Amino acid sequence: MSSRRSRQSAGTSRITDDQIIDLVSKLQQLLPELRPRGSNKVSASKVLQETCNYIRNLHREVDDLSDRLSQLLTTIDADSPEAAIIRSLITQ
């Protein structure tokens, strides 16, 4: 039996097509590259693909900023208030 069937038979509620459409629409509104402009329709697969790309880019940016903060931390006095702020940013 497929995992989908076993989940449905286990009593979990099934998400409706309308709910999926609504969630995809909400995702699209969150993505700068796909924000609705006029009546441009974008496929759900495109929205999901762009969402994955956007999340990957955000991860890269976080890693880059973390590296830059770590480098900055090595150039300032370790006991300074600025160093404490940088350490708190890195550990978040």
PDB file of N, CA and C in Angstrom:
ATOM      1  N   MET A   1       0.849  -1.177   0.000  1.00  0.00           N
ATOM      2  CA  MET A   1       0.000   0.000   0.000  1.00  0.00           C
ATOM      3  C   MET A   1       0.893   1.237   0.000  1.00  0.00           C
ATOM      4  N   SER A   2       0.501   2.242  -0.757  1.00  0.00           N
ATOM      5  CA  SER A   2       1.299   3.466  -0.837  1.00  0.00           C
ATOM      6  C   SER A   2       1.230   4.229   0.477  1.00  0.00           C
ATOM      7  N   SER A   3       2.225   5.088   0.673  1.00  0.00           N
ATOM      8  CA  SER A   3       2.236   5.873   1.915  1.00  0.00           C
ATOM      9  C   SER A   3       1.052   6.827   1.965  1.00  0.00           C
ATOM     10  N   ARG A   4       0.624   7.327   0.799  1.00  0.00           N
ATOM     11  CA  ARG A   4      -0.534   8.229   0.767  1.00  0.00           C
ATOM     12  C   ARG A   4      -1.779   7.495   1.245  1.00  0.00           C
ATOM     13  N   ARG A   5      -1.983   6.300   0.759  1.00  0.00           N
ATOM     14  CA  ARG A   5      -3.165   5.541   1.174  1.00  0.00           C
ATOM     15  C   ARG A   5      -3.107   5.198   2.655  1.00  0.00           C
ATOM     16  N   SER A   6      -1.928   4.819   3.130  1.00  0.00           N
ATOM     17  CA  SER A   6      -1.828   4.456   4.538  1.00  0.00           C
ATOM     18  C   SER A   6      -2.069   5.664   5.430  1.00  0.00           C
ATOM     19  N   ARG A   7      -1.650   6.849   4.992  1.00  0.00           N
ATOM     20  CA  ARG A   7      -1.907   8.056   5.782  1.00  0.00           C
ATOM     21  C   ARG A   7      -3.395   8.370   5.796  1.00  0.00           C
ATOM     22  N   GLN A   8      -4.047   8.212   4.647  1.00  0.00           N
ATOM     23  CA  GLN A   8      -5.472   8.505   4.590  1.00  0.00           C
ATOM     24  C   GLN A   8      -6.256   7.508   5.427  1.00  0.00           C
ATOM     25  N   SER A   9      -5.869   6.254   5.387  1.00  0.00           N
ATOM     26  CA  SER A   9      -6.604   5.249   6.137  1.00  0.00           C
ATOM     27  C   SER A   9      -6.294   5.342   7.626  1.00  0.00           C
ATOM     28  N   ALA A  10      -5.203   6.017   7.991  1.00  0.00           N
ATOM     29  CA  ALA A  10      -4.863   6.165   9.400  1.00  0.00           C
ATOM     30  C   ALA A  10      -5.710   7.250  10.059  1.00  0.00           C
ATOM     31  N   GLY A  11      -6.569   7.893   9.300  1.00  0.00           N
ATOM     32  CA  GLY A  11      -7.485   8.862   9.871  1.00  0.00           C
ATOM     33  C   GLY A  11      -7.019  10.303   9.783  1.00  0.00           C
ATOM     34  N   THR A  12      -5.924  10.575   9.101  1.00  0.00           N
ATOM     35  CA  THR A  12      -5.492  11.962   8.966  1.00  0.00           C
ATOM     36  C   THR A  12      -6.374  12.652   7.942  1.00  0.00           C
ATOM     37  N   SER A  13      -6.579  13.956   8.121  1.00  0.00           N
ATOM     38  CA  SER A  13      -7.419  14.682   7.183  1.00  0.00           C
ATOM     39  C   SER A  13      -6.666  14.905   5.880  1.00  0.00           C
ATOM     40  N   ARG A  14      -7.390  14.929   4.803  1.00  0.00           N
ATOM     41  CA  ARG A  14      -6.816  15.101   3.470  1.00  0.00           C
ATOM     42  C   ARG A  14      -6.916  16.563   3.093  1.00  0.00           C
ATOM     43  N   ILE A  15      -5.854  17.110   2.553  1.00  0.00           N
ATOM     44  CA  ILE A  15      -5.862  18.501   2.127  1.00  0.00           C
ATOM     45  C   ILE A  15      -6.615  18.590   0.797  1.00  0.00           C
ATOM     46  N   THR A  16      -7.428  19.604   0.675  1.00  0.00           N
ATOM     47  CA  THR A  16      -8.246  19.740  -0.532  1.00  0.00           C
ATOM     48  C   THR A  16      -7.475  20.484  -1.615  1.00  0.00           C
ATOM     49  N   ASP A  17      -7.953  20.364  -2.835  1.00  0.00           N
ATOM     50  CA  ASP A  17      -7.345  21.092  -3.951  1.00  0.00           C
ATOM     51  C   ASP A  17      -7.412  22.603  -3.719  1.00  0.00           C
ATOM     52  N   ASP A  18      -8.520  23.068  -3.156  1.00  0.00           N
ATOM     53  CA  ASP A  18      -8.647  24.497  -2.878  1.00  0.00           C
ATOM     54  C   ASP A  18      -7.617  24.966  -1.854  1.00  0.00           C
ATOM     55  N   GLN A  19      -7.344  24.127  -0.860  1.00  0.00           N
ATOM     56  CA  GLN A  19      -6.338  24.480   0.141  1.00  0.00           C
ATOM     57  C   GLN A  19      -4.940  24.538  -0.489  1.00  0.00           C
ATOM     58  N   ILE A  20      -4.657  23.608  -1.381  1.00  0.00           N
ATOM     59  CA  ILE A  20      -3.370  23.603  -2.074  1.00  0.00           C
ATOM     60  C   ILE A  20      -3.230  24.869  -2.917  1.00  0.00           C
ATOM     61  N   ILE A  21      -4.280  25.207  -3.643  1.00  0.00           N
ATOM     62  CA  ILE A  21      -4.258  26.420  -4.477  1.00  0.00           C
ATOM     63  C   ILE A  21      -4.023  27.652  -3.606  1.00  0.00           C
ATOM     64  N   ASP A  22      -4.686  27.705  -2.462  1.00  0.00           N
ATOM     65  CA  ASP A  22      -4.531  28.833  -1.551  1.00  0.00           C
ATOM     66  C   ASP A  22      -3.096  28.910  -1.010  1.00  0.00           C
ATOM     67  N   LEU A  23      -2.534  27.774  -0.629  1.00  0.00           N
ATOM     68  CA  LEU A  23      -1.160  27.754  -0.102  1.00  0.00           C
ATOM     69  C   LEU A  23      -0.142  28.155  -1.172  1.00  0.00           C
ATOM     70  N   VAL A  24      -0.321  27.679  -2.383  1.00  0.00           N
ATOM     71  CA  VAL A  24       0.577  28.041  -3.482  1.00  0.00           C
ATOM     72  C   VAL A  24       0.477  29.539  -3.764  1.00  0.00           C
ATOM     73  N   SER A  25      -0.740  30.065  -3.708  1.00  0.00           N
ATOM     74  CA  SER A  25      -0.940  31.498  -3.919  1.00  0.00           C
ATOM     75  C   SER A  25      -0.225  32.311  -2.834  1.00  0.00           C
ATOM     76  N   LYS A  26      -0.312  31.862  -1.597  1.00  0.00           N
ATOM     77  CA  LYS A  26       0.369  32.548  -0.495  1.00  0.00           C
ATOM     78  C   LYS A  26       1.883  32.487  -0.668  1.00  0.00           C
ATOM     79  N   LEU A  27       2.388  31.343  -1.084  1.00  0.00           N
ATOM     80  CA  LEU A  27       3.831  31.223  -1.354  1.00  0.00           C
ATOM     81  C   LEU A  27       4.246  32.188  -2.445  1.00  0.00           C
ATOM     82  N   GLN A  28       3.460  32.254  -3.500  1.00  0.00           N
ATOM     83  CA  GLN A  28       3.775  33.140  -4.618  1.00  0.00           C
ATOM     84  C   GLN A  28       3.866  34.593  -4.154  1.00  0.00           C
ATOM     85  N   GLN A  29       2.995  34.992  -3.254  1.00  0.00           N
ATOM     86  CA  GLN A  29       3.006  36.368  -2.750  1.00  0.00           C
ATOM     87  C   GLN A  29       4.248  36.661  -1.921  1.00  0.00           C
ATOM     88  N   LEU A  30       4.854  35.635  -1.342  1.00  0.00           N
ATOM     89  CA  LEU A  30       6.052  35.816  -0.522  1.00  0.00           C
ATOM     90  C   LEU A  30       7.329  35.922  -1.350  1.00  0.00           C
ATOM     91  N   LEU A  31       7.282  35.454  -2.588  1.00  0.00           N
ATOM     92  CA  LEU A  31       8.480  35.433  -3.422  1.00  0.00           C
ATOM     93  C   LEU A  31       8.587  36.701  -4.251  1.00  0.00           C
ATOM     94  N   PRO A  32       9.655  37.463  -4.053  1.00  0.00           N
ATOM     95  CA  PRO A  32       9.805  38.718  -4.805  1.00  0.00           C
ATOM     96  C   PRO A  32       9.749  38.512  -6.318  1.00  0.00           C
ATOM     97  N   GLU A  33      10.322  37.418  -6.801  1.00  0.00           N
ATOM     98  CA  GLU A  33      10.377  37.184  -8.245  1.00  0.00           C
ATOM     99  C   GLU A  33       9.024  36.830  -8.843  1.00  0.00           C
ATOM    100  N   LEU A  34       8.106  36.369  -8.012  1.00  0.00           N
ATOM    101  CA  LEU A  34       6.822  35.879  -8.536  1.00  0.00           C
ATOM    102  C   LEU A  34       5.617  36.640  -8.017  1.00  0.00           C
ATOM    103  N   ARG A  35       5.825  37.746  -7.360  1.00  0.00           N
ATOM    104  CA  ARG A  35       4.668  38.501  -6.864  1.00  0.00           C
ATOM    105  C   ARG A  35       3.747  38.797  -8.036  1.00  0.00           C
ATOM    106  N   PRO A  36       2.479  38.573  -7.822  1.00  0.00           N
ATOM    107  CA  PRO A  36       1.531  38.748  -8.933  1.00  0.00           C
ATOM    108  C   PRO A  36       1.590  40.154  -9.536  1.00  0.00           C
ATOM    109  N   ARG A  37       1.713  40.190 -10.835  1.00  0.00           N
ATOM    110  CA  ARG A  37       1.692  41.454 -11.589  1.00  0.00           C
ATOM    111  C   ARG A  37       0.554  41.354 -12.583  1.00  0.00           C
ATOM    112  N   GLY A  38      -0.516  42.013 -12.288  1.00  0.00           N
ATOM    113  CA  GLY A  38      -1.670  41.920 -13.175  1.00  0.00           C
ATOM    114  C   GLY A  38      -2.332  40.568 -13.041  1.00  0.00           C
ATOM    115  N   SER A  39      -2.570  39.941 -14.160  1.00  0.00           N
ATOM    116  CA  SER A  39      -3.234  38.635 -14.131  1.00  0.00           C
ATOM    117  C   SER A  39      -2.285  37.512 -14.554  1.00  0.00           C
ATOM    118  N   ASN A  40      -0.986  37.715 -14.363  1.00  0.00           N
ATOM    119  CA  ASN A  40      -0.024  36.674 -14.727  1.00  0.00           C
ATOM    120  C   ASN A  40      -0.205  35.447 -13.843  1.00  0.00           C
ATOM    121  N   LYS A  41      -0.570  34.344 -14.465  1.00  0.00           N
ATOM    122  CA  LYS A  41      -0.718  33.096 -13.719  1.00  0.00           C
ATOM    123  C   LYS A  41       0.578  32.318 -13.817  1.00  0.00           C
ATOM    124  N   VAL A  42       0.973  31.749 -12.689  1.00  0.00           N
ATOM    125  CA  VAL A  42       2.191  30.965 -12.622  1.00  0.00           C
ATOM    126  C   VAL A  42       1.801  29.574 -12.137  1.00  0.00           C
ATOM    127  N   SER A  43       2.392  28.552 -12.725  1.00  0.00           N
ATOM    128  CA  SER A  43       2.048  27.182 -12.338  1.00  0.00           C
ATOM    129  C   SER A  43       2.535  26.889 -10.923  1.00  0.00           C
ATOM    130  N   ALA A  44       1.856  25.954 -10.276  1.00  0.00           N
ATOM    131  CA  ALA A  44       2.230  25.551  -8.920  1.00  0.00           C
ATOM    132  C   ALA A  44       3.644  25.006  -8.893  1.00  0.00           C
ATOM    133  N   SER A  45       4.028  24.261  -9.916  1.00  0.00           N
ATOM    134  CA  SER A  45       5.376  23.701  -9.942  1.00  0.00           C
ATOM    135  C   SER A  45       6.427  24.807 -10.025  1.00  0.00           C
ATOM    136  N   LYS A  46       6.132  25.868 -10.772  1.00  0.00           N
ATOM    137  CA  LYS A  46       7.044  27.012 -10.872  1.00  0.00           C
ATOM    138  C   LYS A  46       7.167  27.704  -9.516  1.00  0.00           C
ATOM    139  N   VAL A  47       6.039  27.877  -8.826  1.00  0.00           N
ATOM    140  CA  VAL A  47       6.050  28.512  -7.508  1.00  0.00           C
ATOM    141  C   VAL A  47       6.887  27.677  -6.536  1.00  0.00           C
ATOM    142  N   LEU A  48       6.695  26.368  -6.544  1.00  0.00           N
ATOM    143  CA  LEU A  48       7.460  25.500  -5.644  1.00  0.00           C
ATOM    144  C   LEU A  48       8.945  25.504  -5.990  1.00  0.00           C
ATOM    145  N   GLN A  49       9.250  25.491  -7.273  1.00  0.00           N
ATOM    146  CA  GLN A  49      10.647  25.534  -7.704  1.00  0.00           C
ATOM    147  C   GLN A  49      11.303  26.849  -7.265  1.00  0.00           C
ATOM    148  N   GLU A  50      10.625  27.960  -7.483  1.00  0.00           N
ATOM    149  CA  GLU A  50      11.161  29.263  -7.093  1.00  0.00           C
ATOM    150  C   GLU A  50      11.273  29.393  -5.578  1.00  0.00           C
ATOM    151  N   THR A  51      10.346  28.775  -4.850  1.00  0.00           N
ATOM    152  CA  THR A  51      10.422  28.783  -3.390  1.00  0.00           C
ATOM    153  C   THR A  51      11.685  28.079  -2.924  1.00  0.00           C
ATOM    154  N   CYS A  52      11.967  26.926  -3.506  1.00  0.00           N
ATOM    155  CA  CYS A  52      13.188  26.191  -3.159  1.00  0.00           C
ATOM    156  C   CYS A  52      14.433  27.006  -3.491  1.00  0.00           C
ATOM    157  N   ASN A  53      14.451  27.634  -4.658  1.00  0.00           N
ATOM    158  CA  ASN A  53      15.589  28.473  -5.048  1.00  0.00           C
ATOM    159  C   ASN A  53      15.761  29.641  -4.089  1.00  0.00           C
ATOM    160  N   TYR A  54      14.659  30.255  -3.717  1.00  0.00           N
ATOM    161  CA  TYR A  54      14.697  31.407  -2.818  1.00  0.00           C
ATOM    162  C   TYR A  54      15.248  31.004  -1.450  1.00  0.00           C
ATOM    163  N   ILE A  55      14.801  29.875  -0.940  1.00  0.00           N
ATOM    164  CA  ILE A  55      15.285  29.387   0.359  1.00  0.00           C
ATOM    165  C   ILE A  55      16.774  29.065   0.274  1.00  0.00           C
ATOM    166  N   ARG A  56      17.201  28.428  -0.824  1.00  0.00           N
ATOM    167  CA  ARG A  56      18.635  28.151  -1.002  1.00  0.00           C
ATOM    168  C   ARG A  56      19.450  29.445  -0.991  1.00  0.00           C
ATOM    169  N   ASN A  57      18.952  30.457  -1.705  1.00  0.00           N
ATOM    170  CA  ASN A  57      19.648  31.748  -1.746  1.00  0.00           C
ATOM    171  C   ASN A  57      19.704  32.393  -0.362  1.00  0.00           C
ATOM    172  N   LEU A  58      18.623  32.298   0.382  1.00  0.00           N
ATOM    173  CA  LEU A  58      18.622  32.844   1.734  1.00  0.00           C
ATOM    174  C   LEU A  58      19.652  32.136   2.611  1.00  0.00           C
ATOM    175  N   HIS A  59      19.747  30.818   2.480  1.00  0.00           N
ATOM    176  CA  HIS A  59      20.753  30.064   3.238  1.00  0.00           C
ATOM    177  C   HIS A  59      22.163  30.529   2.881  1.00  0.00           C
ATOM    178  N   ARG A  60      22.402  30.735   1.587  1.00  0.00           N
ATOM    179  CA  ARG A  60      23.718  31.221   1.151  1.00  0.00           C
ATOM    180  C   ARG A  60      24.022  32.593   1.742  1.00  0.00           C
ATOM    181  N   GLU A  61      23.030  33.466   1.728  1.00  0.00           N
ATOM    182  CA  GLU A  61      23.219  34.805   2.287  1.00  0.00           C
ATOM    183  C   GLU A  61      23.521  34.743   3.781  1.00  0.00           C
ATOM    184  N   VAL A  62      22.805  33.901   4.492  1.00  0.00           N
ATOM    185  CA  VAL A  62      23.049  33.755   5.930  1.00  0.00           C
ATOM    186  C   VAL A  62      24.464  33.241   6.172  1.00  0.00           C
ATOM    187  N   ASP A  63      24.865  32.233   5.413  1.00  0.00           N
ATOM    188  CA  ASP A  63      26.219  31.696   5.561  1.00  0.00           C
ATOM    189  C   ASP A  63      27.268  32.760   5.267  1.00  0.00           C
ATOM    190  N   ASP A  64      27.042  33.529   4.206  1.00  0.00           N
ATOM    191  CA  ASP A  64      27.985  34.580   3.831  1.00  0.00           C
ATOM    192  C   ASP A  64      28.074  35.647   4.920  1.00  0.00           C
ATOM    193  N   LEU A  65      26.934  36.076   5.419  1.00  0.00           N
ATOM    194  CA  LEU A  65      26.930  37.087   6.474  1.00  0.00           C
ATOM    195  C   LEU A  65      27.569  36.562   7.754  1.00  0.00           C
ATOM    196  N   SER A  66      27.329  35.311   8.045  1.00  0.00           N
ATOM    197  CA  SER A  66      27.942  34.697   9.221  1.00  0.00           C
ATOM    198  C   SER A  66      29.462  34.671   9.089  1.00  0.00           C
ATOM    199  N   ASP A  67      29.941  34.315   7.895  1.00  0.00           N
ATOM    200  CA  ASP A  67      31.387  34.312   7.638  1.00  0.00           C
ATOM    201  C   ASP A  67      31.963  35.717   7.774  1.00  0.00           C
ATOM    202  N   ARG A  68      31.254  36.695   7.225  1.00  0.00           N
ATOM    203  CA  ARG A  68      31.730  38.078   7.300  1.00  0.00           C
ATOM    204  C   ARG A  68      31.765  38.577   8.743  1.00  0.00           C
ATOM    205  N   LEU A  69      30.754  38.211   9.530  1.00  0.00           N
ATOM    206  CA  LEU A  69      30.751  38.598  10.938  1.00  0.00           C
ATOM    207  C   LEU A  69      31.893  37.925  11.692  1.00  0.00           C
ATOM    208  N   SER A  70      32.137  36.665  11.386  1.00  0.00           N
ATOM    209  CA  SER A  70      33.250  35.952  12.032  1.00  0.00           C
ATOM    210  C   SER A  70      34.576  36.621  11.704  1.00  0.00           C
ATOM    211  N   GLN A  71      34.760  37.019  10.448  1.00  0.00           N
ATOM    212  CA  GLN A  71      35.989  37.718  10.059  1.00  0.00           C
ATOM    213  C   GLN A  71      36.099  39.058  10.767  1.00  0.00           C
ATOM    214  N   LEU A  72      34.998  39.765  10.862  1.00  0.00           N
ATOM    215  CA  LEU A  72      35.000  41.050  11.546  1.00  0.00           C
ATOM    216  C   LEU A  72      35.356  40.882  13.017  1.00  0.00           C
ATOM    217  N   LEU A  73      34.864  39.814  13.608  1.00  0.00           N
ATOM    218  CA  LEU A  73      35.119  39.547  15.020  1.00  0.00           C
ATOM    219  C   LEU A  73      36.610  39.369  15.292  1.00  0.00           C
ATOM    220  N   THR A  74      37.330  38.820  14.330  1.00  0.00           N
ATOM    221  CA  THR A  74      38.770  38.619  14.532  1.00  0.00           C
ATOM    222  C   THR A  74      39.555  39.919  14.452  1.00  0.00           C
ATOM    223  N   THR A  75      38.939  40.979  13.939  1.00  0.00           N
ATOM    224  CA  THR A  75      39.662  42.242  13.765  1.00  0.00           C
ATOM    225  C   THR A  75      39.398  43.253  14.873  1.00  0.00           C
ATOM    226  N   ILE A  76      38.509  42.927  15.809  1.00  0.00           N
ATOM    227  CA  ILE A  76      38.205  43.882  16.877  1.00  0.00           C
ATOM    228  C   ILE A  76      38.544  43.282  18.233  1.00  0.00           C
ATOM    229  N   ASP A  77      38.596  44.134  19.246  1.00  0.00           N
ATOM    230  CA  ASP A  77      38.880  43.718  20.607  1.00  0.00           C
ATOM    231  C   ASP A  77      37.799  42.748  21.085  1.00  0.00           C
ATOM    232  N   ALA A  78      38.191  41.568  21.537  1.00  0.00           N
ATOM    233  CA  ALA A  78      37.261  40.510  21.930  1.00  0.00           C
ATOM    234  C   ALA A  78      36.381  40.908  23.105  1.00  0.00           C
ATOM    235  N   ASP A  79      36.816  41.872  23.912  1.00  0.00           N
ATOM    236  CA  ASP A  79      36.046  42.274  25.087  1.00  0.00           C
ATOM    237  C   ASP A  79      35.178  43.512  24.844  1.00  0.00           C
ATOM    238  N   SER A  80      35.168  44.012  23.626  1.00  0.00           N
ATOM    239  CA  SER A  80      34.415  45.236  23.340  1.00  0.00           C
ATOM    240  C   SER A  80      32.915  44.945  23.230  1.00  0.00           C
ATOM    241  N   PRO A  81      32.107  45.968  23.411  1.00  0.00           N
ATOM    242  CA  PRO A  81      30.655  45.793  23.238  1.00  0.00           C
ATOM    243  C   PRO A  81      30.297  45.353  21.809  1.00  0.00           C
ATOM    244  N   GLU A  82      31.056  45.846  20.829  1.00  0.00           N
ATOM    245  CA  GLU A  82      30.803  45.447  19.442  1.00  0.00           C
ATOM    246  C   GLU A  82      31.010  43.947  19.253  1.00  0.00           C
ATOM    247  N   ALA A  83      32.056  43.412  19.894  1.00  0.00           N
ATOM    248  CA  ALA A  83      32.336  41.971  19.789  1.00  0.00           C
ATOM    249  C   ALA A  83      31.197  41.160  20.392  1.00  0.00           C
ATOM    250  N   ALA A  84      30.645  41.642  21.493  1.00  0.00           N
ATOM    251  CA  ALA A  84      29.517  40.947  22.124  1.00  0.00           C
ATOM    252  C   ALA A  84      28.304  40.925  21.195  1.00  0.00           C
ATOM    253  N   ILE A  85      28.063  42.039  20.527  1.00  0.00           N
ATOM    254  CA  ILE A  85      26.940  42.107  19.581  1.00  0.00           C
ATOM    255  C   ILE A  85      27.158  41.135  18.428  1.00  0.00           C
ATOM    256  N   ILE A  86      28.367  41.125  17.889  1.00  0.00           N
ATOM    257  CA  ILE A  86      28.666  40.227  16.768  1.00  0.00           C
ATOM    258  C   ILE A  86      28.523  38.768  17.198  1.00  0.00           C
ATOM    259  N   ARG A  87      29.035  38.431  18.381  1.00  0.00           N
ATOM    260  CA  ARG A  87      28.899  37.049  18.867  1.00  0.00           C
ATOM    261  C   ARG A  87      27.437  36.668  19.011  1.00  0.00           C
ATOM    262  N   SER A  88      26.618  37.592  19.495  1.00  0.00           N
ATOM    263  CA  SER A  88      25.193  37.269  19.657  1.00  0.00           C
ATOM    264  C   SER A  88      24.527  37.071  18.297  1.00  0.00           C
ATOM    265  N   LEU A  89      24.941  37.831  17.283  1.00  0.00           N
ATOM    266  CA  LEU A  89      24.388  37.674  15.944  1.00  0.00           C
ATOM    267  C   LEU A  89      24.789  36.326  15.328  1.00  0.00           C
ATOM    268  N   ILE A  90      26.021  35.932  15.554  1.00  0.00           N
ATOM    269  CA  ILE A  90      26.514  34.677  14.981  1.00  0.00           C
ATOM    270  C   ILE A  90      25.806  33.474  15.606  1.00  0.00           C
ATOM    271  N   THR A  91      25.517  33.547  16.901  1.00  0.00           N
ATOM    272  CA  THR A  91      24.930  32.393  17.574  1.00  0.00           C
ATOM    273  C   THR A  91      23.413  32.307  17.436  1.00  0.00           C
ATOM    274  N   GLN A  92      22.796  33.283  16.790  1.00  0.00           N
ATOM    275  CA  GLN A  92      21.336  33.235  16.634  1.00  0.00           C
ATOM    276  C   GLN A  92      20.913  32.227  15.623  1.00  0.00           C
TER     277      GLN A  92
END
